[in-house]
PDB file of N, CA and C in Angstrom:
ATOM      1  N   UNK A   1       0.939  -1.184   0.043  1.00  0.00           N
ATOM      2  CA  UNK A   1      -0.144  -0.052   0.064  1.00  0.00           C
ATOM      3  C   UNK A   1       0.851   1.212   0.076  1.00  0.00           C
ATOM      4  N   UNK A   2       0.612   2.104  -0.670  1.00  0.00           N
ATOM      5  CA  UNK A   2       1.377   3.237  -1.046  1.00  0.00           C
ATOM      6  C   UNK A   2       0.693   4.515  -0.177  1.00  0.00           C
ATOM      7  N   UNK A   3       1.306   5.014   0.648  1.00  0.00           N
ATOM      8  CA  UNK A   3       0.887   6.105   1.592  1.00  0.00           C
ATOM      9  C   UNK A   3       1.218   7.591   0.978  1.00  0.00           C
ATOM     10  N   UNK A   4       0.025   8.298   0.854  1.00  0.00           N
ATOM     11  CA  UNK A   4       0.165   9.438   0.213  1.00  0.00           C
ATOM     12  C   UNK A   4       0.862  10.612   1.324  1.00  0.00           C
ATOM     13  N   UNK A   5       1.629  11.368   0.961  1.00  0.00           N
ATOM     14  CA  UNK A   5       2.140  12.328   1.874  1.00  0.00           C
ATOM     15  C   UNK A   5       1.763  13.676   1.456  1.00  0.00           C
ATOM     16  N   UNK A   6       1.218  14.474   2.504  1.00  0.00           N
ATOM     17  CA  UNK A   6       0.609  15.818   2.207  1.00  0.00           C
ATOM     18  C   UNK A   6       1.812  16.625   2.154  1.00  0.00           C
ATOM     19  N   UNK A   7       1.401  17.751   1.237  1.00  0.00           N
ATOM     20  CA  UNK A   7       2.552  18.691   1.205  1.00  0.00           C
ATOM     21  C   UNK A   7       2.414  19.613   2.366  1.00  0.00           C
ATOM     22  N   UNK A   8       3.725  20.309   2.740  1.00  0.00           N
ATOM     23  CA  UNK A   8       3.616  21.187   3.762  1.00  0.00           C
ATOM     24  C   UNK A   8       3.011  22.611   3.525  1.00  0.00           C
ATOM     25  N   UNK A   9       3.283  22.903   1.971  1.00  0.00           N
ATOM     26  CA  UNK A   9       2.795  24.266   1.430  1.00  0.00           C
ATOM     27  C   UNK A   9       1.575  23.863   0.485  1.00  0.00           C
ATOM     28  N   UNK A  10       0.643  24.791   0.700  1.00  0.00           N
ATOM     29  CA  UNK A  10      -0.571  24.631  -0.232  1.00  0.00           C
ATOM     30  C   UNK A  10       0.136  25.408  -1.643  1.00  0.00           C
ATOM     31  N   UNK A  11      -0.809  24.897  -2.498  1.00  0.00           N
ATOM     32  CA  UNK A  11      -0.343  25.220  -4.086  1.00  0.00           C
ATOM     33  C   UNK A  11      -0.348  26.695  -4.151  1.00  0.00           C
ATOM     34  N   UNK A  12      -1.323  27.507  -3.656  1.00  0.00           N
ATOM     35  CA  UNK A  12      -1.435  28.918  -3.813  1.00  0.00           C
ATOM     36  C   UNK A  12      -0.112  29.545  -3.359  1.00  0.00           C
ATOM     37  N   UNK A  13       0.293  29.203  -2.093  1.00  0.00           N
ATOM     38  CA  UNK A  13       1.519  29.678  -1.708  1.00  0.00           C
ATOM     39  C   UNK A  13       2.696  29.643  -2.481  1.00  0.00           C
ATOM     40  N   UNK A  14       2.831  28.291  -2.891  1.00  0.00           N
ATOM     41  CA  UNK A  14       4.056  27.986  -3.960  1.00  0.00           C
ATOM     42  C   UNK A  14       3.905  28.854  -5.345  1.00  0.00           C
ATOM     43  N   UNK A  15       2.577  28.921  -5.503  1.00  0.00           N
ATOM     44  CA  UNK A  15       2.436  29.811  -6.771  1.00  0.00           C
ATOM     45  C   UNK A  15       2.878  31.233  -6.651  1.00  0.00           C
ATOM     46  N   UNK A  16       2.514  31.769  -5.604  1.00  0.00           N
ATOM     47  CA  UNK A  16       2.896  33.284  -5.143  1.00  0.00           C
ATOM     48  C   UNK A  16       4.455  33.329  -5.019  1.00  0.00           C
ATOM     49  N   UNK A  17       5.064  32.209  -4.354  1.00  0.00           N
ATOM     50  CA  UNK A  17       6.425  32.214  -4.348  1.00  0.00           C
ATOM     51  C   UNK A  17       7.361  32.173  -5.733  1.00  0.00           C
ATOM     52  N   UNK A  18       6.748  31.557  -6.584  1.00  0.00           N
ATOM     53  CA  UNK A  18       7.403  31.360  -7.740  1.00  0.00           C
ATOM     54  C   UNK A  18       7.265  32.801  -8.301  1.00  0.00           C
ATOM     55  N   UNK A  19       6.033  33.508  -8.452  1.00  0.00           N
ATOM     56  CA  UNK A  19       5.796  34.661  -9.097  1.00  0.00           C
ATOM     57  C   UNK A  19       6.951  35.694  -8.552  1.00  0.00           C
ATOM     58  N   UNK A  20       7.087  35.645  -7.283  1.00  0.00           N
ATOM     59  CA  UNK A  20       7.786  36.610  -6.330  1.00  0.00           C
ATOM     60  C   UNK A  20       9.239  36.630  -6.888  1.00  0.00           C
ATOM     61  N   UNK A  21       9.789  35.162  -7.030  1.00  0.00           N
ATOM     62  CA  UNK A  21      10.893  34.967  -7.276  1.00  0.00           C
ATOM     63  C   UNK A  21      11.357  35.098  -8.892  1.00  0.00           C
ATOM     64  N   UNK A  22      10.468  34.862  -9.731  1.00  0.00           N
ATOM     65  CA  UNK A  22      10.630  34.682 -11.139  1.00  0.00           C
ATOM     66  C   UNK A  22      10.169  36.065 -11.863  1.00  0.00           C
ATOM     67  N   UNK A  23       9.289  36.846 -11.179  1.00  0.00           N
ATOM     68  CA  UNK A  23       8.550  37.765 -11.825  1.00  0.00           C
ATOM     69  C   UNK A  23       7.351  37.260 -12.732  1.00  0.00           C
ATOM     70  N   UNK A  24       6.848  38.192 -13.459  1.00  0.00           N
ATOM     71  CA  UNK A  24       5.797  37.767 -14.422  1.00  0.00           C
ATOM     72  C   UNK A  24       5.978  36.652 -15.312  1.00  0.00           C
ATOM     73  N   UNK A  25       4.985  35.736 -15.720  1.00  0.00           N
ATOM     74  CA  UNK A  25       5.145  34.703 -16.483  1.00  0.00           C
ATOM     75  C   UNK A  25       3.874  34.342 -17.169  1.00  0.00           C
ATOM     76  N   UNK A  26       4.223  33.363 -17.991  1.00  0.00           N
ATOM     77  CA  UNK A  26       2.920  33.097 -18.875  1.00  0.00           C
ATOM     78  C   UNK A  26       2.100  32.021 -17.991  1.00  0.00           C
ATOM     79  N   UNK A  27       1.015  31.844 -18.081  1.00  0.00           N
ATOM     80  CA  UNK A  27       0.305  30.660 -17.549  1.00  0.00           C
ATOM     81  C   UNK A  27       0.889  29.159 -17.702  1.00  0.00           C
ATOM     82  N   UNK A  28       1.384  29.107 -18.766  1.00  0.00           N
ATOM     83  CA  UNK A  28       2.052  27.576 -19.292  1.00  0.00           C
ATOM     84  C   UNK A  28       3.269  27.507 -18.545  1.00  0.00           C
ATOM     85  N   UNK A  29       4.152  28.517 -18.558  1.00  0.00           N
ATOM     86  CA  UNK A  29       5.356  28.566 -17.731  1.00  0.00           C
ATOM     87  C   UNK A  29       5.119  28.397 -16.155  1.00  0.00           C
ATOM     88  N   UNK A  30       4.058  28.803 -15.690  1.00  0.00           N
ATOM     89  CA  UNK A  30       3.727  28.754 -14.265  1.00  0.00           C
ATOM     90  C   UNK A  30       3.198  27.437 -14.007  1.00  0.00           C
ATOM     91  N   UNK A  31       2.421  26.961 -14.941  1.00  0.00           N
ATOM     92  CA  UNK A  31       2.100  25.500 -14.832  1.00  0.00           C
ATOM     93  C   UNK A  31       3.084  24.560 -14.787  1.00  0.00           C
ATOM     94  N   UNK A  32       4.061  24.554 -15.704  1.00  0.00           N
ATOM     95  CA  UNK A  32       5.191  23.861 -15.687  1.00  0.00           C
ATOM     96  C   UNK A  32       6.174  23.935 -14.480  1.00  0.00           C
ATOM     97  N   UNK A  33       6.105  25.093 -13.827  1.00  0.00           N
ATOM     98  CA  UNK A  33       6.783  25.151 -12.623  1.00  0.00           C
ATOM     99  C   UNK A  33       6.197  24.681 -11.550  1.00  0.00           C
ATOM    100  N   UNK A  34       4.870  24.687 -11.466  1.00  0.00           N
ATOM    101  CA  UNK A  34       4.040  24.277 -10.303  1.00  0.00           C
ATOM    102  C   UNK A  34       3.842  22.520 -10.345  1.00  0.00           C
ATOM    103  N   UNK A  35       4.018  22.106 -11.707  1.00  0.00           N
ATOM    104  CA  UNK A  35       3.947  20.625 -11.731  1.00  0.00           C
ATOM    105  C   UNK A  35       5.354  19.830 -11.408  1.00  0.00           C
ATOM    106  N   UNK A  36       6.287  20.593 -11.268  1.00  0.00           N
ATOM    107  CA  UNK A  36       7.425  19.955 -10.764  1.00  0.00           C
ATOM    108  C   UNK A  36       7.234  19.589  -9.358  1.00  0.00           C
ATOM    109  N   UNK A  37       6.492  20.448  -8.524  1.00  0.00           N
ATOM    110  CA  UNK A  37       6.435  20.042  -7.281  1.00  0.00           C
ATOM    111  C   UNK A  37       5.051  19.418  -6.889  1.00  0.00           C
ATOM    112  N   UNK A  38       4.202  19.746  -7.706  1.00  0.00           N
ATOM    113  CA  UNK A  38       2.825  18.992  -7.445  1.00  0.00           C
ATOM    114  C   UNK A  38       2.489  18.037  -8.744  1.00  0.00           C
ATOM    115  N   UNK A  39       2.716  16.841  -8.765  1.00  0.00           N
ATOM    116  CA  UNK A  39       2.423  15.977  -9.809  1.00  0.00           C
ATOM    117  C   UNK A  39       1.090  15.898 -10.384  1.00  0.00           C
ATOM    118  N   UNK A  40       0.137  15.902  -9.409  1.00  0.00           N
ATOM    119  CA  UNK A  40      -1.169  15.486  -9.891  1.00  0.00           C
ATOM    120  C   UNK A  40      -2.017  16.833 -10.264  1.00  0.00           C
ATOM    121  N   UNK A  41      -1.241  17.995 -10.288  1.00  0.00           N
ATOM    122  CA  UNK A  41      -1.972  19.255 -10.779  1.00  0.00           C
ATOM    123  C   UNK A  41      -2.404  19.277 -12.205  1.00  0.00           C
ATOM    124  N   UNK A  42      -3.580  19.665 -12.480  1.00  0.00           N
ATOM    125  CA  UNK A  42      -4.060  19.849 -13.799  1.00  0.00           C
ATOM    126  C   UNK A  42      -4.261  21.390 -14.123  1.00  0.00           C
ATOM    127  N   UNK A  43      -4.424  21.451 -15.400  1.00  0.00           N
ATOM    128  CA  UNK A  43      -4.440  22.961 -15.938  1.00  0.00           C
ATOM    129  C   UNK A  43      -5.823  23.236 -15.328  1.00  0.00           C
ATOM    130  N   UNK A  44      -6.842  22.713 -15.108  1.00  0.00           N
ATOM    131  CA  UNK A  44      -7.974  23.156 -14.662  1.00  0.00           C
ATOM    132  C   UNK A  44      -7.867  23.619 -13.249  1.00  0.00           C
ATOM    133  N   UNK A  45      -7.032  22.880 -12.460  1.00  0.00           N
ATOM    134  CA  UNK A  45      -6.857  23.131 -11.018  1.00  0.00           C
ATOM    135  C   UNK A  45      -6.140  24.694 -11.175  1.00  0.00           C
ATOM    136  N   UNK A  46      -4.899  24.728 -11.838  1.00  0.00           N
ATOM    137  CA  UNK A  46      -4.351  25.986 -12.056  1.00  0.00           C
ATOM    138  C   UNK A  46      -5.175  27.157 -12.143  1.00  0.00           C
ATOM    139  N   UNK A  47      -6.100  26.982 -13.218  1.00  0.00           N
ATOM    140  CA  UNK A  47      -7.180  28.159 -13.550  1.00  0.00           C
ATOM    141  C   UNK A  47      -7.731  28.584 -12.369  1.00  0.00           C
ATOM    142  N   UNK A  48      -8.188  27.493 -11.446  1.00  0.00           N
ATOM    143  CA  UNK A  48      -9.145  27.668 -10.301  1.00  0.00           C
ATOM    144  C   UNK A  48      -8.374  28.481  -9.452  1.00  0.00           C
ATOM    145  N   UNK A  49      -7.256  28.145  -9.173  1.00  0.00           N
ATOM    146  CA  UNK A  49      -6.211  28.884  -8.214  1.00  0.00           C
ATOM    147  C   UNK A  49      -5.960  30.470  -8.525  1.00  0.00           C
ATOM    148  N   UNK A  50      -5.704  30.491  -9.997  1.00  0.00           N
ATOM    149  CA  UNK A  50      -5.477  31.848 -10.434  1.00  0.00           C
ATOM    150  C   UNK A  50      -6.764  32.804 -10.181  1.00  0.00           C
ATOM    151  N   UNK A  51      -7.915  32.282 -10.653  1.00  0.00           N
ATOM    152  CA  UNK A  51      -9.143  32.793 -10.127  1.00  0.00           C
ATOM    153  C   UNK A  51      -9.236  33.274  -9.056  1.00  0.00           C
ATOM    154  N   UNK A  52      -9.047  32.361  -7.934  1.00  0.00           N
ATOM    155  CA  UNK A  52      -9.125  32.675  -6.440  1.00  0.00           C
ATOM    156  C   UNK A  52      -8.105  33.866  -6.146  1.00  0.00           C
ATOM    157  N   UNK A  53      -6.937  33.855  -6.678  1.00  0.00           N
ATOM    158  CA  UNK A  53      -5.930  34.640  -6.178  1.00  0.00           C
ATOM    159  C   UNK A  53      -6.190  36.040  -7.067  1.00  0.00           C
ATOM    160  N   UNK A  54      -6.841  36.023  -8.009  1.00  0.00           N
ATOM    161  CA  UNK A  54      -7.171  37.369  -8.813  1.00  0.00           C
ATOM    162  C   UNK A  54      -8.211  37.999  -7.930  1.00  0.00           C
ATOM    163  N   UNK A  55      -9.256  37.328  -7.643  1.00  0.00           N
ATOM    164  CA  UNK A  55     -10.605  37.871  -7.056  1.00  0.00           C
ATOM    165  C   UNK A  55      -9.843  38.507  -5.621  1.00  0.00           C
ATOM    166  N   UNK A  56      -9.037  37.692  -4.916  1.00  0.00           N
ATOM    167  CA  UNK A  56      -8.441  38.159  -3.855  1.00  0.00           C
ATOM    168  C   UNK A  56      -7.424  39.367  -3.830  1.00  0.00           C
ATOM    169  N   UNK A  57      -7.054  39.747  -5.158  1.00  0.00           N
ATOM    170  CA  UNK A  57      -6.259  40.929  -5.238  1.00  0.00           C
ATOM    171  C   UNK A  57      -4.696  40.720  -5.128  1.00  0.00           C
ATOM    172  N   UNK A  58      -4.383  39.274  -5.240  1.00  0.00           N
ATOM    173  CA  UNK A  58      -2.754  39.039  -4.864  1.00  0.00           C
ATOM    174  C   UNK A  58      -2.242  38.878  -6.391  1.00  0.00           C
ATOM    175  N   UNK A  59      -2.931  38.584  -7.519  1.00  0.00           N
ATOM    176  CA  UNK A  59      -2.284  38.577  -8.810  1.00  0.00           C
ATOM    177  C   UNK A  59      -3.249  39.329  -9.906  1.00  0.00           C
ATOM    178  N   UNK A  60      -2.757  39.563 -11.110  1.00  0.00           N
ATOM    179  CA  UNK A  60      -3.311  40.058 -12.294  1.00  0.00           C
ATOM    180  C   UNK A  60      -3.039  39.412 -13.313  1.00  0.00           C
ATOM    181  N   UNK A  61      -4.029  38.845 -14.091  1.00  0.00           N
ATOM    182  CA  UNK A  61      -3.810  38.212 -15.324  1.00  0.00           C
ATOM    183  C   UNK A  61      -4.387  39.147 -16.391  1.00  0.00           C
ATOM    184  N   UNK A  62      -3.368  39.064 -17.558  1.00  0.00           N
ATOM    185  CA  UNK A  62      -3.910  39.644 -18.802  1.00  0.00           C
ATOM    186  C   UNK A  62      -3.690  38.790 -19.978  1.00  0.00           C
ATOM    187  N   UNK A  63      -4.645  38.997 -20.785  1.00  0.00           N
ATOM    188  CA  UNK A  63      -4.418  38.140 -21.987  1.00  0.00           C
ATOM    189  C   UNK A  63      -3.505  38.655 -23.002  1.00  0.00           C
ATOM    190  N   UNK A  64      -2.761  37.711 -23.508  1.00  0.00           N
ATOM    191  CA  UNK A  64      -1.738  37.993 -24.500  1.00  0.00           C
ATOM    192  C   UNK A  64      -2.038  37.819 -25.817  1.00  0.00           C
ATOM    193  N   UNK A  65      -2.096  36.496 -26.103  1.00  0.00           N
ATOM    194  CA  UNK A  65      -2.320  35.918 -27.465  1.00  0.00           C
ATOM    195  C   UNK A  65      -3.545  34.966 -27.385  1.00  0.00           C
ATOM    196  N   UNK A  66      -4.018  34.390 -28.433  1.00  0.00           N
ATOM    197  CA  UNK A  66      -4.954  33.326 -28.279  1.00  0.00           C
ATOM    198  C   UNK A  66      -4.628  32.183 -27.303  1.00  0.00           C
ATOM    199  N   UNK A  67      -5.116  32.184 -26.106  1.00  0.00           N
ATOM    200  CA  UNK A  67      -5.118  30.951 -25.194  1.00  0.00           C
ATOM    201  C   UNK A  67      -3.909  31.204 -24.432  1.00  0.00           C
ATOM    202  N   UNK A  68      -3.399  32.278 -24.414  1.00  0.00           N
ATOM    203  CA  UNK A  68      -2.138  32.701 -23.516  1.00  0.00           C
ATOM    204  C   UNK A  68      -2.471  33.735 -22.654  1.00  0.00           C
ATOM    205  N   UNK A  69      -1.987  33.621 -21.398  1.00  0.00           N
ATOM    206  CA  UNK A  69      -2.146  34.586 -20.420  1.00  0.00           C
ATOM    207  C   UNK A  69      -0.809  35.090 -19.713  1.00  0.00           C
ATOM    208  N   UNK A  70      -0.667  36.223 -19.346  1.00  0.00           N
ATOM    209  CA  UNK A  70       0.474  36.666 -18.461  1.00  0.00           C
ATOM    210  C   UNK A  70      -0.014  36.867 -16.963  1.00  0.00           C
ATOM    211  N   UNK A  71       0.725  36.223 -16.105  1.00  0.00           N
ATOM    212  CA  UNK A  71       0.353  36.322 -14.640  1.00  0.00           C
ATOM    213  C   UNK A  71       1.388  37.029 -13.986  1.00  0.00           C
ATOM    214  N   UNK A  72       0.954  38.210 -13.109  1.00  0.00           N
ATOM    215  CA  UNK A  72       2.029  38.800 -12.388  1.00  0.00           C
ATOM    216  C   UNK A  72       1.371  38.968 -11.062  1.00  0.00           C
ATOM    217  N   UNK A  73       2.211  39.229 -10.086  1.00  0.00           N
ATOM    218  CA  UNK A  73       2.116  39.541  -8.617  1.00  0.00           C
ATOM    219  C   UNK A  73       1.575  41.294  -8.622  1.00  0.00           C
ATOM    220  N   UNK A  74       0.320  41.420  -7.738  1.00  0.00           N
ATOM    221  CA  UNK A  74       0.022  42.851  -7.555  1.00  0.00           C
ATOM    222  C   UNK A  74       0.882  43.443  -6.696  1.00  0.00           C
ATOM    223  N   UNK A  75       1.578  44.577  -6.722  1.00  0.00           N
ATOM    224  CA  UNK A  75       2.529  45.127  -5.747  1.00  0.00           C
ATOM    225  C   UNK A  75       1.448  45.933  -4.919  1.00  0.00           C
ATOM    226  N   UNK A  76       1.575  45.649  -3.522  1.00  0.00           N
ATOM    227  CA  UNK A  76       0.955  46.475  -2.618  1.00  0.00           C
ATOM    228  C   UNK A  76       1.341  47.953  -2.397  1.00  0.00           C
ATOM    229  N   UNK A  77       0.611  48.877  -2.346  1.00  0.00           N
ATOM    230  CA  UNK A  77       1.243  50.176  -2.269  1.00  0.00           C
ATOM    231  C   UNK A  77       0.114  51.197  -2.073  1.00  0.00           C
TER     232      UNK A  77
END
């Protein structure tokens, strides 16, 4: 029997850390960075996290090209 190990950091915290470290990224680049740590993460899950963080005022997403988005941290000020 394989025991599942819970991650100590939630996905949204890791997402914010990646954006803080690397700056603005496309959604595909962000997805690739997150799937290195969270193997079972799907693109639908990423969209849900992005929506929650954008509603919460933590990030901003802008449409770049067809099907591509730019994700950036909102600087407090």
